[in-house]
C-alpha atoms as a PDB file:
ATOM      1  CA  MET A   1     188.140 285.040 102.572  1.00  0.00           C
ATOM      2  CA  LEU A   2     189.681 285.478  99.144  1.00  0.00           C
ATOM      3  CA  ASN A   3     192.344 283.259  97.645  1.00  0.00           C
ATOM      4  CA  SER A   4     195.798 284.846  98.012  1.00  0.00           C
ATOM      5  CA  LYS A   5     196.368 284.961  94.242  1.00  0.00           C
ATOM      6  CA  ILE A   6     193.027 286.738  93.750  1.00  0.00           C
ATOM      7  CA  SER A   7     193.901 289.177  96.543  1.00  0.00           C
ATOM      8  CA  GLU A   8     197.249 289.881  94.935  1.00  0.00           C
ATOM      9  CA  LEU A   9     195.667 290.540  91.534  1.00  0.00           C
ATOM     10  CA  LEU A  10     192.916 292.706  93.020  1.00  0.00           C
ATOM     11  CA  ASN A  11     195.502 294.768  94.897  1.00  0.00           C
ATOM     12  CA  ARG A  12     197.430 295.221  91.641  1.00  0.00           C
ATOM     13  CA  GLN A  13     194.192 296.292  89.952  1.00  0.00           C
ATOM     14  CA  ILE A  14     193.513 298.871  92.647  1.00  0.00           C
ATOM     15  CA  ASN A  15     196.888 300.431  91.863  1.00  0.00           C
ATOM     16  CA  ARG A  16     196.148 300.322  88.152  1.00  0.00           C
ATOM     17  CA  GLU A  17     192.790 302.038  88.640  1.00  0.00           C
ATOM     18  CA  PHE A  18     194.408 304.774  90.731  1.00  0.00           C
ATOM     19  CA  TYR A  19     197.094 305.154  88.037  1.00  0.00           C
ATOM     20  CA  SER A  20     194.335 305.420  85.435  1.00  0.00           C
ATOM     21  CA  SER A  21     192.799 308.248  87.455  1.00  0.00           C
ATOM     22  CA  TYR A  22     196.170 309.953  87.678  1.00  0.00           C
ATOM     23  CA  LEU A  23     196.831 309.469  83.952  1.00  0.00           C
ATOM     24  CA  TYR A  24     193.462 310.947  82.981  1.00  0.00           C
ATOM     25  CA  LEU A  25     194.013 313.874  85.339  1.00  0.00           C
ATOM     26  CA  ASP A  26     197.274 314.537  83.486  1.00  0.00           C
ATOM     27  CA  MET A  27     195.400 314.441  80.163  1.00  0.00           C
ATOM     28  CA  SER A  28     192.694 316.695  81.553  1.00  0.00           C
ATOM     29  CA  ASN A  29     195.321 319.215  82.625  1.00  0.00           C
ATOM     30  CA  TYR A  30     196.929 319.094  79.181  1.00  0.00           C
ATOM     31  CA  TYR A  31     193.659 320.031  77.522  1.00  0.00           C
ATOM     32  CA  TYR A  32     192.857 322.757  80.066  1.00  0.00           C
ATOM     33  CA  ASP A  33     196.362 324.168  79.540  1.00  0.00           C
ATOM     34  CA  ASN A  34     195.543 324.388  75.827  1.00  0.00           C
ATOM     35  CA  SER A  35     192.108 326.003  76.314  1.00  0.00           C
ATOM     36  CA  LEU A  36     190.186 322.899  75.234  1.00  0.00           C
ATOM     37  CA  ASN A  37     188.042 322.909  78.359  1.00  0.00           C
ATOM     38  CA  GLY A  38     185.496 320.433  76.997  1.00  0.00           C
ATOM     39  CA  PHE A  39     188.231 317.835  76.445  1.00  0.00           C
ATOM     40  CA  GLY A  40     189.587 318.760  79.863  1.00  0.00           C
ATOM     41  CA  ASN A  41     186.154 318.146  81.352  1.00  0.00           C
ATOM     42  CA  TRP A  42     185.778 314.809  79.530  1.00  0.00           C
ATOM     43  CA  PHE A  43     189.063 313.552  80.971  1.00  0.00           C
ATOM     44  CA  GLY A  44     188.202 315.046  84.358  1.00  0.00           C
ATOM     45  CA  VAL A  45     185.099 312.827  84.406  1.00  0.00           C
ATOM     46  CA  GLN A  46     187.317 309.876  83.405  1.00  0.00           C
ATOM     47  CA  THR A  47     189.544 310.745  86.355  1.00  0.00           C
ATOM     48  CA  GLN A  48     186.580 310.491  88.720  1.00  0.00           C
ATOM     49  CA  GLU A  49     185.377 307.251  87.165  1.00  0.00           C
ATOM     50  CA  GLU A  50     188.728 305.528  87.523  1.00  0.00           C
ATOM     51  CA  TYR A  51     189.040 306.663  91.136  1.00  0.00           C
ATOM     52  CA  ALA A  52     185.553 305.277  91.789  1.00  0.00           C
ATOM     53  CA  HIS A  53     186.560 301.964  90.191  1.00  0.00           C
ATOM     54  CA  ALA A  54     189.539 301.692  92.538  1.00  0.00           C
ATOM     55  CA  MET A  55     187.240 302.341  95.480  1.00  0.00           C
ATOM     56  CA  LEU A  56     184.853 299.605  94.313  1.00  0.00           C
ATOM     57  CA  PHE A  57     187.753 297.120  94.284  1.00  0.00           C
ATOM     58  CA  ILE A  58     188.756 298.279  97.761  1.00  0.00           C
ATOM     59  CA  GLN A  59     185.180 297.894  99.022  1.00  0.00           C
ATOM     60  CA  TYR A  60     184.973 294.377  97.576  1.00  0.00           C
ATOM     61  CA  MET A  61     188.198 293.386  99.308  1.00  0.00           C
ATOM     62  CA  GLN A  62     187.076 294.917 102.589  1.00  0.00           C
ATOM     63  CA  ASN A  63     183.784 293.063 102.357  1.00  0.00           C
ATOM     64  CA  ASN A  64     185.734 289.835 101.895  1.00  0.00           C
ATOM     65  CA  ASP A  65     188.221 290.381 104.726  1.00  0.00           C
ATOM     66  CA  ALA A  66     191.154 290.726 102.333  1.00  0.00           C
ATOM     67  CA  LYS A  67     194.204 292.822 103.138  1.00  0.00           C
ATOM     68  CA  ILE A  68     194.526 295.922 100.989  1.00  0.00           C
ATOM     69  CA  ILE A  69     198.050 296.871 100.018  1.00  0.00           C
ATOM     70  CA  LEU A  70     198.391 300.302  98.463  1.00  0.00           C
ATOM     71  CA  ASP A  71     201.396 300.725  96.223  1.00  0.00           C
ATOM     72  CA  SER A  72     203.119 303.793  94.791  1.00  0.00           C
ATOM     73  CA  ILE A  73     201.402 305.441  91.868  1.00  0.00           C
ATOM     74  CA  ALA A  74     203.762 306.221  89.032  1.00  0.00           C
ATOM     75  CA  LYS A  75     203.806 309.671  87.497  1.00  0.00           C
ATOM     76  CA  PRO A  76     202.402 309.717  83.951  1.00  0.00           C
ATOM     77  CA  ASP A  77     205.451 310.129  81.730  1.00  0.00           C
ATOM     78  CA  ILE A  78     204.025 311.329  78.423  1.00  0.00           C
ATOM     79  CA  THR A  79     204.723 314.637  76.721  1.00  0.00           C
ATOM     80  CA  TYR A  80     201.822 315.343  74.404  1.00  0.00           C
ATOM     81  CA  THR A  81     202.686 316.777  71.006  1.00  0.00           C
ATOM     82  CA  SER A  82     199.182 316.949  69.500  1.00  0.00           C
ATOM     83  CA  PHE A  83     195.584 317.224  70.613  1.00  0.00           C
ATOM     84  CA  LYS A  84     194.931 313.708  69.296  1.00  0.00           C
ATOM     85  CA  GLN A  85     197.753 311.993  71.172  1.00  0.00           C
ATOM     86  CA  PRO A  86     196.027 311.827  74.594  1.00  0.00           C
ATOM     87  CA  LEU A  87     193.010 310.211  72.934  1.00  0.00           C
ATOM     88  CA  ASP A  88     195.170 307.514  71.337  1.00  0.00           C
ATOM     89  CA  GLU A  89     197.040 306.965  74.613  1.00  0.00           C
ATOM     90  CA  ALA A  90     193.723 306.688  76.500  1.00  0.00           C
ATOM     91  CA  TYR A  91     192.507 304.024  74.064  1.00  0.00           C
ATOM     92  CA  LYS A  92     195.706 301.985  74.470  1.00  0.00           C
ATOM     93  CA  HIS A  93     195.392 302.334  78.227  1.00  0.00           C
ATOM     94  CA  GLU A  94     191.773 301.131  78.238  1.00  0.00           C
ATOM     95  CA  LEU A  95     192.819 298.035  76.256  1.00  0.00           C
ATOM     96  CA  PHE A  96     195.513 297.402  78.870  1.00  0.00           C
ATOM     97  CA  ILE A  97     193.022 297.726  81.738  1.00  0.00           C
ATOM     98  CA  SER A  98     190.596 295.366  79.980  1.00  0.00           C
ATOM     99  CA  GLN A  99     193.368 292.802  79.619  1.00  0.00           C
ATOM    100  CA  SER A 100     194.217 293.158  83.301  1.00  0.00           C
ATOM    101  CA  ILE A 101     190.604 292.606  84.408  1.00  0.00           C
ATOM    102  CA  ASN A 102     190.302 289.644  82.049  1.00  0.00           C
ATOM    103  CA  GLU A 103     193.409 288.137  83.666  1.00  0.00           C
ATOM    104  CA  ILE A 104     191.841 288.387  87.126  1.00  0.00           C
ATOM    105  CA  TYR A 105     188.623 286.906  85.764  1.00  0.00           C
ATOM    106  CA  GLY A 106     190.559 283.992  84.237  1.00  0.00           C
ATOM    107  CA  VAL A 107     192.250 283.201  87.548  1.00  0.00           C
ATOM    108  CA  ALA A 108     188.919 283.459  89.383  1.00  0.00           C
ATOM    109  CA  TYR A 109     187.436 281.050  86.850  1.00  0.00           C
ATOM    110  CA  GLU A 110     190.289 278.555  87.341  1.00  0.00           C
ATOM    111  CA  LEU A 111     189.812 278.763  91.112  1.00  0.00           C
ATOM    112  CA  LYS A 112     186.010 278.500  90.792  1.00  0.00           C
ATOM    113  CA  ASP A 113     185.754 281.785  92.679  1.00  0.00           C
ATOM    114  CA  PHE A 114     182.259 282.563  91.464  1.00  0.00           C
ATOM    115  CA  LYS A 115     181.792 285.456  93.862  1.00  0.00           C
ATOM    116  CA  THR A 116     184.781 287.309  92.395  1.00  0.00           C
ATOM    117  CA  MET A 117     183.674 286.429  88.874  1.00  0.00           C
ATOM    118  CA  GLN A 118     180.268 287.917  89.585  1.00  0.00           C
ATOM    119  CA  PHE A 119     181.904 291.056  90.993  1.00  0.00           C
ATOM    120  CA  LEU A 120     184.125 291.349  87.905  1.00  0.00           C
ATOM    121  CA  ASP A 121     181.186 290.932  85.496  1.00  0.00           C
ATOM    122  CA  TRP A 122     180.367 294.627  85.957  1.00  0.00           C
ATOM    123  CA  PHE A 123     183.944 295.629  85.194  1.00  0.00           C
ATOM    124  CA  VAL A 124     184.064 293.472  82.054  1.00  0.00           C
ATOM    125  CA  LYS A 125     180.954 295.232  80.765  1.00  0.00           C
ATOM    126  CA  GLU A 126     182.256 298.635  81.886  1.00  0.00           C
ATOM    127  CA  GLN A 127     185.534 298.098  80.048  1.00  0.00           C
ATOM    128  CA  GLY A 128     183.665 297.335  76.849  1.00  0.00           C
ATOM    129  CA  GLU A 129     181.896 300.681  77.252  1.00  0.00           C
ATOM    130  CA  GLU A 130     185.156 302.483  78.104  1.00  0.00           C
ATOM    131  CA  GLU A 131     186.914 301.115  75.035  1.00  0.00           C
ATOM    132  CA  LYS A 132     184.017 302.051  72.774  1.00  0.00           C
ATOM    133  CA  ASN A 133     183.698 305.561  74.209  1.00  0.00           C
ATOM    134  CA  VAL A 134     187.380 306.378  73.712  1.00  0.00           C
ATOM    135  CA  ASP A 135     187.473 304.704  70.293  1.00  0.00           C
ATOM    136  CA  ASP A 136     184.420 306.717  69.209  1.00  0.00           C
ATOM    137  CA  LEU A 137     186.061 309.912  70.478  1.00  0.00           C
ATOM    138  CA  CYS A 138     189.242 309.087  68.497  1.00  0.00           C
ATOM    139  CA  LYS A 139     187.192 308.530  65.343  1.00  0.00           C
ATOM    140  CA  ARG A 140     185.204 311.720  65.873  1.00  0.00           C
ATOM    141  CA  PHE A 141     188.425 313.652  66.390  1.00  0.00           C
ATOM    142  CA  ASP A 142     189.750 312.227  63.126  1.00  0.00           C
ATOM    143  CA  LEU A 143     186.571 313.352  61.370  1.00  0.00           C
ATOM    144  CA  PHE A 144     186.167 316.796  62.918  1.00  0.00           C
ATOM    145  CA  GLY A 145     189.119 317.683  65.121  1.00  0.00           C
ATOM    146  CA  THR A 146     191.549 318.847  62.472  1.00  0.00           C
ATOM    147  CA  ASP A 147     189.152 321.652  61.454  1.00  0.00           C
ATOM    148  CA  ALA A 148     189.022 324.590  63.901  1.00  0.00           C
ATOM    149  CA  LYS A 149     185.220 324.844  63.788  1.00  0.00           C
ATOM    150  CA  GLY A 150     184.817 321.088  64.143  1.00  0.00           C
ATOM    151  CA  LEU A 151     187.262 321.027  67.052  1.00  0.00           C
ATOM    152  CA  TYR A 152     185.341 323.858  68.716  1.00  0.00           C
ATOM    153  CA  LEU A 153     182.016 322.036  68.346  1.00  0.00           C
ATOM    154  CA  LEU A 154     183.449 318.749  69.621  1.00  0.00           C
ATOM    155  CA  ASP A 155     185.063 320.553  72.575  1.00  0.00           C
ATOM    156  CA  THR A 156     181.717 322.255  73.340  1.00  0.00           C
ATOM    157  CA  GLU A 157     179.926 318.909  73.267  1.00  0.00           C
ATOM    158  CA  LEU A 158     182.455 317.266  75.607  1.00  0.00           C
ATOM    159  CA  ALA A 159     181.969 320.048  78.140  1.00  0.00           C
ATOM    160  CA  SER A 160     178.505 318.689  78.978  1.00  0.00           C
ATOM    161  CA  ARG A 161     179.708 315.316  80.252  1.00  0.00           C
ATOM    162  CA  THR A 162     179.036 314.702  83.943  1.00  0.00           C
ATOM    163  CA  PHE A 163     180.158 312.089  86.449  1.00  0.00           C
ATOM    164  CA  THR A 164     177.752 309.478  87.785  1.00  0.00           C
ATOM    165  CA  GLN A 165     178.893 307.518  90.814  1.00  0.00           C
ATOM    166  CA  PRO A 166     178.803 303.768  90.047  1.00  0.00           C
ATOM    167  CA  SER A 167     177.217 301.402  92.545  1.00  0.00           C
ATOM    168  CA  LEU A 168     177.427 297.657  92.573  1.00  0.00           C
ATOM    169  CA  GLY A 169     175.358 297.119  95.669  1.00  0.00           C
ATOM    170  CA  LEU A 170     178.333 295.723  97.557  1.00  0.00           C
END
């Protein structure tokens, strides 16, 4: 059985992961609407990853007999005015998610909840990768994205990204 504070924070994180999926779907749609299908694909894969992350949190809670409380998912409320803006917003969002996971980890540490800490280790590592991937994409956009040919090549490259289902062996 999980500590009630840990359960509360994990439930909040489930909602945040589902919101992340929803946010990235909105970004994906923006790019598809603007005929940047590679960027649309890249964010579509992000959508799937964030959904999978939410499901991993749910599975962990189910495996630990914790009550899952699904909350409303807010509508993304951003009107994009440039092709770069969703990238910058995604980076800020990944920093926010990292902070949220670190908060849960800190509480688990205080409570000596080593099982939850071990579970969260994967997410801490994953968030480092997520931040780097989006930051690299922002930097590459700054280098190449303002030139039509560079934007085309970057968009073509992003079209090849595929989703891989994560597994933690829960």
